[in-house]
C-alpha atoms as a PDB file:
ATOM      1  CA  MET A   1     -40.647 -75.963 -47.229  1.00  0.00           C
ATOM      2  CA  THR A   2     -38.502 -75.261 -50.199  1.00  0.00           C
ATOM      3  CA  SER A   3     -34.966 -76.552 -50.424  1.00  0.00           C
ATOM      4  CA  GLY A   4     -33.582 -72.989 -50.462  1.00  0.00           C
ATOM      5  CA  LEU A   5     -35.265 -72.155 -47.174  1.00  0.00           C
ATOM      6  CA  MET A   6     -34.055 -75.383 -45.603  1.00  0.00           C
ATOM      7  CA  ALA A   7     -30.497 -74.647 -46.769  1.00  0.00           C
ATOM      8  CA  THR A   8     -30.702 -71.141 -45.310  1.00  0.00           C
ATOM      9  CA  ILE A   9     -31.904 -72.487 -41.965  1.00  0.00           C
ATOM     10  CA  GLY A  10     -29.133 -75.094 -42.000  1.00  0.00           C
ATOM     11  CA  VAL A  11     -26.431 -72.505 -42.673  1.00  0.00           C
ATOM     12  CA  PHE A  12     -27.837 -70.252 -39.959  1.00  0.00           C
ATOM     13  CA  ALA A  13     -27.802 -73.149 -37.481  1.00  0.00           C
ATOM     14  CA  LEU A  14     -24.168 -73.932 -38.334  1.00  0.00           C
ATOM     15  CA  VAL A  15     -23.166 -70.288 -37.869  1.00  0.00           C
ATOM     16  CA  VAL A  16     -24.857 -70.206 -34.460  1.00  0.00           C
ATOM     17  CA  ILE A  17     -23.199 -73.460 -33.364  1.00  0.00           C
ATOM     18  CA  PHE A  18     -19.722 -72.329 -34.464  1.00  0.00           C
ATOM     19  CA  GLY A  19     -20.289 -68.944 -32.810  1.00  0.00           C
ATOM     20  CA  LEU A  20     -21.131 -70.611 -29.523  1.00  0.00           C
ATOM     21  CA  VAL A  21     -18.060 -72.847 -29.759  1.00  0.00           C
ATOM     22  CA  ILE A  22     -15.812 -69.843 -30.418  1.00  0.00           C
ATOM     23  CA  LEU A  23     -17.315 -67.885 -27.515  1.00  0.00           C
ATOM     24  CA  HIS A  24     -16.857 -70.854 -25.191  1.00  0.00           C
ATOM     25  CA  ASP A  25     -13.226 -71.242 -26.284  1.00  0.00           C
ATOM     26  CA  ARG A  26     -12.525 -67.534 -25.751  1.00  0.00           C
ATOM     27  CA  LYS A  27     -14.065 -67.693 -22.283  1.00  0.00           C
ATOM     28  CA  LYS A  28     -11.921 -70.741 -21.422  1.00  0.00           C
ATOM     29  CA  ILE A  29      -8.729 -69.052 -22.665  1.00  0.00           C
ATOM     30  CA  LYS A  30      -9.550 -65.859 -20.786  1.00  0.00           C
ATOM     31  CA  LYS A  31     -10.107 -67.842 -17.599  1.00  0.00           C
ATOM     32  CA  GLU A  32      -6.769 -69.678 -18.045  1.00  0.00           C
ATOM     33  CA  GLU A  33      -4.887 -66.433 -18.648  1.00  0.00           C
ATOM     34  CA  GLY A  34      -6.570 -64.860 -15.628  1.00  0.00           C
ATOM     35  CA  ALA A  35      -5.439 -67.746 -13.447  1.00  0.00           C
ATOM     36  CA  THR A  36      -1.855 -67.439 -14.653  1.00  0.00           C
ATOM     37  CA  THR A  37      -1.715 -63.687 -14.050  1.00  0.00           C
ATOM     38  CA  VAL A  38      -2.819 -64.162 -10.457  1.00  0.00           C
ATOM     39  CA  THR A  39      -0.092 -66.714  -9.770  1.00  0.00           C
ATOM     40  CA  THR A  40       2.755 -64.825 -11.455  1.00  0.00           C
ATOM     41  CA  THR A  41       4.943 -62.502  -9.459  1.00  0.00           C
ATOM     42  CA  THR A  42       5.049 -58.823 -10.324  1.00  0.00           C
ATOM     43  CA  LYS A  43       8.832 -58.661  -9.984  1.00  0.00           C
ATOM     44  CA  LYS A  44       9.437 -59.921 -13.538  1.00  0.00           C
ATOM     45  CA  SER A  45      10.836 -57.611 -16.148  1.00  0.00           C
ATOM     46  CA  PRO A  46       8.723 -56.901 -19.240  1.00  0.00           C
ATOM     47  CA  LYS A  47      11.071 -59.085 -21.322  1.00  0.00           C
ATOM     48  CA  GLU A  48      10.579 -62.032 -18.946  1.00  0.00           C
ATOM     49  CA  ILE A  49       6.806 -61.565 -19.039  1.00  0.00           C
ATOM     50  CA  TRP A  50       6.879 -61.457 -22.866  1.00  0.00           C
ATOM     51  CA  ASP A  51       9.086 -64.564 -23.064  1.00  0.00           C
ATOM     52  CA  THR A  52       6.686 -66.437 -20.772  1.00  0.00           C
ATOM     53  CA  HIS A  53       3.743 -65.366 -22.929  1.00  0.00           C
ATOM     54  CA  VAL A  54       5.454 -66.501 -26.151  1.00  0.00           C
ATOM     55  CA  GLU A  55       6.354 -69.826 -24.526  1.00  0.00           C
ATOM     56  CA  LYS A  56       2.713 -70.415 -23.537  1.00  0.00           C
ATOM     57  CA  LEU A  57       1.535 -69.625 -27.053  1.00  0.00           C
ATOM     58  CA  SER A  58       4.064 -71.992 -28.601  1.00  0.00           C
ATOM     59  CA  LYS A  59       2.971 -74.776 -26.228  1.00  0.00           C
ATOM     60  CA  ARG A  60      -0.671 -74.209 -27.185  1.00  0.00           C
ATOM     61  CA  GLU A  61       0.148 -74.499 -30.908  1.00  0.00           C
ATOM     62  CA  SER A  62       2.067 -77.747 -30.450  1.00  0.00           C
END
């Protein structure tokens, strides 16, 4: 095989691996958010819900 073909296959493999990692991470985040929405009460105001969401995002970044 030529080096160009091997490089193309290598890049394709890396793209597939990173794609699978991103999909797995999205699925995990979606599952975590789904679990938190089930446990939260519906009596919160929209501002309280937004503040909770921002707090979760800031914890994730830290």
